[in-house]
Every structure is written in C-alpha cells, then in structure tokens.
Amino acid sequence: MRGKIIGTVILALLVAGIGCKGKEPPRPKGEEKKVVRVVRVERREIREGVDFVANLEPRRQAQVIPKVSGIIERFYVREGDRVKKGQVLFELEKEDFLLALRQAEATLKEAKASYRQASRDFVRFRELREKNVVSQKEYEEVEVQRDLAHARLEQAQVALEQAKRNLEETVVRAPFSGVVTKRFK
C-alpha cells in the first residue's frame, strides 16, 4: 500500500511538471523579461575619475577697466580670490586727480566771486538805467557780463563735480560677486 501512495505522488509530480512545461505565469502588460547573467567575481582596480571634454562658461563675466586712465598703485586681490560686489579690486595713483580737484575748487571760488561782482554791477546799472543816467547799450553790456559770469560759474561747478568723480574712479570695485580669473599687471 505504501508503494502505491509513493507511485501516485511521483506520477502526480511528473504530470504537474509536464503540464507546466512551456507555460509561463501571466505578466502585467508592458513588463519585459529580465535577463540575468551570472559571472565570476574578480578583484580589479576601479578608477575614481572620469575623463571628458567640456567648455565651462561663467554665468556672468566682466573685464574690469578703470573709467579714468592712470597707473595702478595697489592691487587688493589675486587670481582665484573670491570677491563680493563693491569690493575694492585695485587703486590708481591719486596725485594728479587730487591736483585737478584743487584746481576745480579754486576755479569755482573765482567764478563765484566774478558772478557776485557782475550781479552787483548789473543791479547798479539797472537803477542807473531807470534814472536814464546810463545808455541802453551800457546797461546791456553789463547784463551780458553778468550772464557770462553766471555761465562760467556753472562751468566751474560742473568741472568740480567731474574732478570729484574722476577721483572716485581711481578706486576700482567689483561690479558683482564672483572669482578673479585673470589679473593683468
């Protein structure tokens, strides 16, 4: 009896094995068969770096050139330094710019004095013209002198502003935060 049970079990297993042969369990749609390859494990050296060719472009770049000409007196940064917007990069010699500023200040003082005198003369001649003591021509000449003195005063004010700006431009600052990639000497 025991032999019959074992024979029946073996026969059932054979039938089950033959019945399954060639049939695969159903797979979800879109899933492909995965191929598995078996290889022998070996000890090898693994490279950590990767070699490739590329061009790196900065997001922003600028050639920093002073707005005024002069000789560089001092550098405050080197190649590779990180800088922040507004940080001083280098300075130009200031002596000539300081002299130009002093000259502009003196010219402005002179122009103010001339304009004050021309304005006083104009007021005096206007009063005299109203009394008919001076001619219309003399009055107009004094008026023109006053207008010319006023124009020279405005020119002197502009020259002073320009001299101040030029002096400020001797200090060259970073236009934005970044890294100094090249420094020309």
Protein backbone atom coordinates (compact mmCIF):
# COMPACT_ATOMS: atom_id res chain seq x y z
CA MET A 1 0.00 0.00 0.00
CA ARG A 2 2.79 2.30 0.81
CA GLY A 3 4.27 1.69 -2.64
CA LYS A 4 1.02 2.74 -4.30
CA ILE A 5 0.93 6.08 -2.48
CA ILE A 6 4.56 6.88 -3.40
CA GLY A 7 3.93 5.91 -7.02
CA THR A 8 0.81 8.08 -7.15
CA VAL A 9 2.69 11.08 -5.70
CA ILE A 10 5.58 10.66 -8.20
CA LEU A 11 3.13 10.29 -11.05
CA ALA A 12 1.25 13.41 -9.89
CA LEU A 13 4.52 15.37 -9.74
CA LEU A 14 5.53 14.23 -13.21
CA VAL A 15 2.17 15.18 -14.62
CA ALA A 16 2.37 18.57 -12.87
CA GLY A 17 5.91 19.09 -14.23
CA ILE A 18 4.89 18.11 -17.75
CA GLY A 19 1.74 20.19 -17.57
CA CYS A 20 3.73 23.34 -16.56
CA LYS A 21 6.45 22.89 -19.11
CA GLY A 22 6.33 25.72 -21.69
CA LYS A 23 3.76 27.80 -19.83
CA GLU A 24 4.78 30.99 -18.01
CA PRO A 25 2.84 32.84 -15.36
CA PRO A 26 0.95 35.83 -16.75
CA ARG A 27 2.84 39.21 -16.59
CA PRO A 28 1.49 42.73 -16.40
CA LYS A 29 1.37 44.45 -19.78
CA GLY A 30 4.49 46.43 -20.70
CA GLU A 31 6.82 44.43 -18.46
CA GLU A 32 9.61 42.67 -20.33
CA LYS A 33 11.56 39.57 -19.48
CA LYS A 34 14.65 40.29 -17.47
CA VAL A 35 17.80 38.51 -18.48
CA VAL A 36 20.09 37.59 -15.63
CA ARG A 37 23.73 36.84 -16.32
CA VAL A 38 25.92 35.08 -13.83
CA VAL A 39 29.63 35.96 -13.76
CA ARG A 40 32.52 35.02 -11.57
CA VAL A 41 33.60 37.68 -9.02
CA GLU A 42 37.04 39.14 -9.73
CA ARG A 43 39.24 41.62 -7.94
CA ARG A 44 40.03 44.66 -10.16
CA GLU A 45 41.13 48.31 -9.77
CA ILE A 46 38.34 50.87 -10.17
CA ARG A 47 39.17 54.37 -11.45
CA GLU A 48 37.64 57.18 -9.42
CA GLY A 49 37.84 59.90 -12.09
CA VAL A 50 36.04 60.34 -15.36
CA ASP A 51 37.71 61.97 -18.36
CA PHE A 52 35.61 64.09 -20.71
CA VAL A 53 35.88 67.22 -22.80
CA ALA A 54 33.76 70.24 -21.92
CA ASN A 55 33.63 74.02 -22.17
CA LEU A 56 32.77 75.79 -18.94
CA GLU A 57 31.15 79.18 -19.34
CA PRO A 58 30.58 81.55 -16.43
CA ARG A 59 27.08 82.86 -15.76
CA ARG A 60 28.49 86.40 -15.74
CA GLN A 61 31.86 87.82 -16.58
CA ALA A 62 33.36 91.26 -16.89
CA GLN A 63 36.62 92.86 -17.79
CA VAL A 64 37.13 95.43 -15.08
CA ILE A 65 38.69 98.53 -16.59
CA PRO A 66 39.02 101.86 -14.78
CA LYS A 67 36.96 104.73 -16.21
CA VAL A 68 39.93 107.07 -15.86
CA SER A 69 43.45 106.44 -17.06
CA GLY A 70 46.34 106.17 -14.68
CA ILE A 71 48.99 103.95 -13.17
CA ILE A 72 47.87 101.18 -10.84
CA GLU A 73 49.19 101.94 -7.38
CA ARG A 74 47.95 98.90 -5.48
CA PHE A 75 46.16 95.60 -6.10
CA TYR A 76 43.91 94.20 -3.38
CA VAL A 77 43.12 90.82 -5.00
CA ARG A 78 44.93 87.96 -6.70
CA GLU A 79 43.83 85.44 -9.31
CA GLY A 80 41.48 82.90 -7.77
CA ASP A 81 40.27 85.22 -5.00
CA ARG A 82 36.53 85.37 -4.31
CA VAL A 83 35.18 88.92 -4.29
CA LYS A 84 31.90 90.50 -3.30
CA LYS A 85 30.03 93.18 -5.21
CA GLY A 86 31.55 96.58 -4.42
CA GLN A 87 34.80 95.16 -3.00
CA VAL A 88 37.91 97.20 -3.91
CA LEU A 89 39.98 95.39 -6.56
CA PHE A 90 42.72 97.97 -7.16
CA GLU A 91 43.54 101.68 -6.89
CA LEU A 92 45.18 104.09 -9.30
CA GLU A 93 47.67 106.76 -8.30
CA LYS A 94 45.67 109.72 -6.98
CA GLU A 95 48.13 112.64 -7.03
CA ASP A 96 47.10 114.08 -10.42
CA PHE A 97 43.41 113.67 -9.58
CA LEU A 98 43.84 115.46 -6.25
CA LEU A 99 45.58 118.36 -8.03
CA ALA A 100 42.76 118.55 -10.59
CA LEU A 101 40.23 118.64 -7.73
CA ARG A 102 42.08 121.50 -6.02
CA GLN A 103 42.23 123.38 -9.35
CA ALA A 104 38.49 122.91 -9.88
CA GLU A 105 37.74 124.15 -6.35
CA ALA A 106 39.86 127.28 -6.92
CA THR A 107 38.21 127.94 -10.28
CA LEU A 108 34.78 127.65 -8.65
CA LYS A 109 35.72 130.18 -5.95
CA GLU A 110 36.92 132.60 -8.63
CA ALA A 111 33.74 132.08 -10.70
CA LYS A 112 31.53 132.72 -7.65
CA ALA A 113 33.37 135.96 -6.89
CA SER A 114 33.10 137.11 -10.53
CA TYR A 115 29.40 136.31 -10.61
CA ARG A 116 28.76 138.21 -7.35
CA GLN A 117 30.58 141.26 -8.74
CA ALA A 118 28.79 141.07 -12.11
CA SER A 119 25.42 140.73 -10.32
CA ARG A 120 26.13 143.83 -8.16
CA ASP A 121 27.20 145.79 -11.26
CA PHE A 122 24.02 144.72 -13.06
CA VAL A 123 21.79 145.87 -10.18
CA ARG A 124 23.62 149.23 -10.02
CA PHE A 125 23.35 149.75 -13.81
CA ARG A 126 19.67 148.80 -13.82
CA GLU A 127 18.99 151.52 -11.24
CA LEU A 128 21.05 153.99 -13.28
CA ARG A 129 19.24 153.00 -16.48
CA GLU A 130 15.88 153.55 -14.81
CA LYS A 131 17.09 157.10 -13.93
CA ASN A 132 18.38 157.49 -17.51
CA VAL A 133 21.94 158.09 -16.29
CA VAL A 134 23.49 155.33 -18.49
CA SER A 135 22.65 154.36 -22.04
CA GLN A 136 20.74 151.23 -23.02
CA LYS A 137 23.91 149.91 -24.64
CA GLU A 138 25.96 150.25 -21.44
CA TYR A 139 23.19 148.58 -19.46
CA GLU A 140 23.03 145.65 -21.93
CA GLU A 141 26.82 145.22 -21.83
CA VAL A 142 26.70 144.86 -18.05
CA GLU A 143 23.80 142.42 -18.39
CA VAL A 144 25.85 140.30 -20.82
CA GLN A 145 28.81 140.37 -18.42
CA ARG A 146 26.55 139.12 -15.65
CA ASP A 147 25.20 136.30 -17.89
CA LEU A 148 28.75 135.31 -18.91
CA ALA A 149 29.83 135.25 -15.26
CA HIS A 150 26.85 133.01 -14.48
CA ALA A 151 27.80 130.63 -17.31
CA ARG A 152 31.42 130.48 -16.05
CA LEU A 153 30.07 129.71 -12.57
CA GLU A 154 28.02 126.79 -13.93
CA GLN A 155 31.04 125.50 -15.88
CA ALA A 156 33.17 125.66 -12.75
CA GLN A 157 30.53 123.71 -10.79
CA VAL A 158 30.45 121.01 -13.48
CA ALA A 159 34.26 120.88 -13.58
CA LEU A 160 34.34 120.40 -9.80
CA GLU A 161 31.79 117.57 -9.99
CA GLN A 162 33.82 115.92 -12.76
CA ALA A 163 37.06 116.24 -10.76
CA LYS A 164 35.37 114.61 -7.75
CA ARG A 165 34.00 111.78 -9.91
CA ASN A 166 37.41 111.19 -11.52
CA LEU A 167 38.99 110.97 -8.08
CA GLU A 168 36.35 108.42 -7.01
CA GLU A 169 37.03 106.39 -10.17
CA THR A 170 40.65 105.83 -9.08
CA VAL A 171 39.24 103.19 -6.72
CA VAL A 172 38.05 100.28 -8.88
CA ARG A 173 35.44 97.96 -7.37
CA ALA A 174 33.95 94.58 -8.31
CA PRO A 175 30.78 95.06 -10.40
CA PHE A 176 29.30 91.85 -8.94
CA SER A 177 30.28 88.95 -6.66
CA GLY A 178 32.48 86.29 -8.25
CA VAL A 179 36.01 84.97 -8.67
CA VAL A 180 39.02 86.80 -10.12
CA THR A 181 40.08 84.66 -13.09
CA LYS A 182 42.79 86.85 -14.59
CA ARG A 183 44.76 89.82 -13.36
CA PHE A 184 46.71 91.87 -15.88
CA LYS A 185 49.68 93.75 -14.47
